[in-house]
Protein backbone atom coordinates (compact mmCIF):
# COMPACT_ATOMS: atom_id res chain seq x y z
CA MET A 1 49.58 -26.43 -1.34
CA ARG A 2 46.15 -27.37 -0.11
CA ASN A 3 43.66 -24.69 0.90
CA TYR A 4 41.24 -25.08 3.78
CA GLU A 5 38.52 -23.02 5.36
CA ILE A 6 38.01 -23.56 9.08
CA MET A 7 35.07 -22.09 10.96
CA PHE A 8 34.63 -22.61 14.67
CA ILE A 9 32.26 -21.33 17.34
CA VAL A 10 33.40 -20.47 20.85
CA ARG A 11 30.94 -20.66 23.75
CA PRO A 12 29.45 -17.28 24.73
CA THR A 13 29.98 -17.60 28.49
CA LEU A 14 33.69 -16.71 28.24
CA GLY A 15 35.05 -13.20 28.75
CA GLU A 16 36.36 -11.13 25.85
CA GLU A 17 40.02 -11.82 26.66
CA GLU A 18 39.40 -15.56 27.04
CA ILE A 19 37.67 -15.68 23.65
CA LYS A 20 40.61 -13.94 21.97
CA GLU A 21 42.99 -16.32 23.74
CA VAL A 22 41.12 -19.38 22.41
CA ALA A 23 41.31 -18.01 18.84
CA LYS A 24 45.02 -17.16 19.25
CA ASN A 25 45.78 -20.65 20.61
CA PHE A 26 44.14 -22.32 17.62
CA GLU A 27 45.98 -19.97 15.28
CA ASN A 28 49.27 -21.02 16.94
CA ILE A 29 48.33 -24.70 16.60
CA LEU A 30 47.90 -24.29 12.85
CA VAL A 31 51.11 -22.30 12.36
CA THR A 32 53.35 -24.53 14.51
CA ASN A 33 52.17 -27.61 12.60
CA GLY A 34 53.08 -26.23 9.17
CA GLY A 35 49.97 -24.30 8.18
CA LYS A 36 49.91 -20.73 6.89
CA ILE A 37 46.92 -18.56 7.76
CA THR A 38 46.04 -16.48 4.71
CA ASN A 39 42.91 -14.86 6.14
CA PHE A 40 41.36 -14.48 9.59
CA LYS A 41 37.91 -13.12 10.38
CA ASP A 42 36.26 -12.55 13.73
CA TYR A 43 32.50 -12.45 13.14
CA GLY A 44 31.74 -11.74 16.79
CA LYS A 45 28.76 -12.99 18.75
CA ARG A 46 25.89 -14.36 16.69
CA ASP A 47 22.74 -16.33 17.35
CA LEU A 48 22.88 -20.01 16.44
CA ALA A 49 20.34 -21.50 14.04
CA TYR A 50 19.61 -24.16 16.67
CA GLU A 51 20.73 -24.86 20.20
CA ILE A 52 24.15 -26.52 20.54
CA LYS A 53 25.23 -27.89 23.93
CA LYS A 54 22.54 -25.72 25.58
CA PHE A 55 23.92 -22.51 24.00
CA LYS A 56 21.78 -20.27 21.80
CA SER A 57 24.62 -18.02 20.63
CA GLY A 58 28.38 -18.17 20.14
CA TYR A 59 31.43 -16.32 18.89
CA TYR A 60 32.29 -17.18 15.27
CA PHE A 61 35.80 -17.30 13.83
CA LEU A 62 36.98 -18.13 10.29
CA PHE A 63 40.48 -19.15 9.22
CA ASN A 64 41.64 -19.63 5.63
CA VAL A 65 44.67 -21.91 5.77
CA GLU A 66 47.29 -23.15 3.31
CA ALA A 67 49.09 -26.37 4.20
CA ASN A 68 51.44 -28.79 2.45
CA ASP A 69 49.98 -31.78 4.27
CA ASP A 70 47.16 -32.59 6.67
CA LYS A 71 49.24 -32.42 9.86
CA ALA A 72 48.06 -28.92 10.90
CA ILE A 73 44.45 -29.62 9.98
CA ASN A 74 44.36 -32.97 11.81
CA GLU A 75 45.87 -31.42 14.93
CA PHE A 76 43.34 -28.55 14.85
CA ASN A 77 40.51 -31.06 14.46
CA ARG A 78 41.78 -33.24 17.32
CA LEU A 79 42.15 -30.33 19.73
CA ALA A 80 38.86 -28.68 18.73
CA LEU A 81 37.02 -31.91 19.53
CA ILE A 82 38.40 -32.09 23.08
CA ASN A 83 38.39 -28.35 23.85
CA LYS A 84 35.43 -27.39 26.05
CA GLU A 85 35.41 -23.78 24.81
CA VAL A 86 34.73 -24.77 21.17
CA ILE A 87 31.11 -25.83 20.75
CA ARG A 88 31.26 -26.56 17.01
CA HIS A 89 33.82 -26.49 14.20
CA LEU A 90 33.83 -27.20 10.48
CA ILE A 91 36.83 -27.84 8.23
CA THR A 92 36.30 -27.51 4.47
CA LYS A 93 38.91 -28.35 1.83
CA LEU A 94 38.80 -25.79 -0.98
CA ASP A 95 39.58 -26.68 -4.59
């Protein structure tokens, strides 16, 4: 099993339900592609260190994921890059 930490930031202009829906959709993407979410944290709205795509704040989410292969991680990365609601994401492989 490989362990990953995924942090992503959702744009602050969405409503509360829409933000939860974005997080739930990405959780489903990971699970349906063979990943297991071991920890989930919603850090809420925070100020960004610098402006990203003209936003000065965003909603932070953190997933800790176990996966046998990179299929779930690659699919998350692909969809996060094309999703307009996600302004930044970071995937870290843990040892």
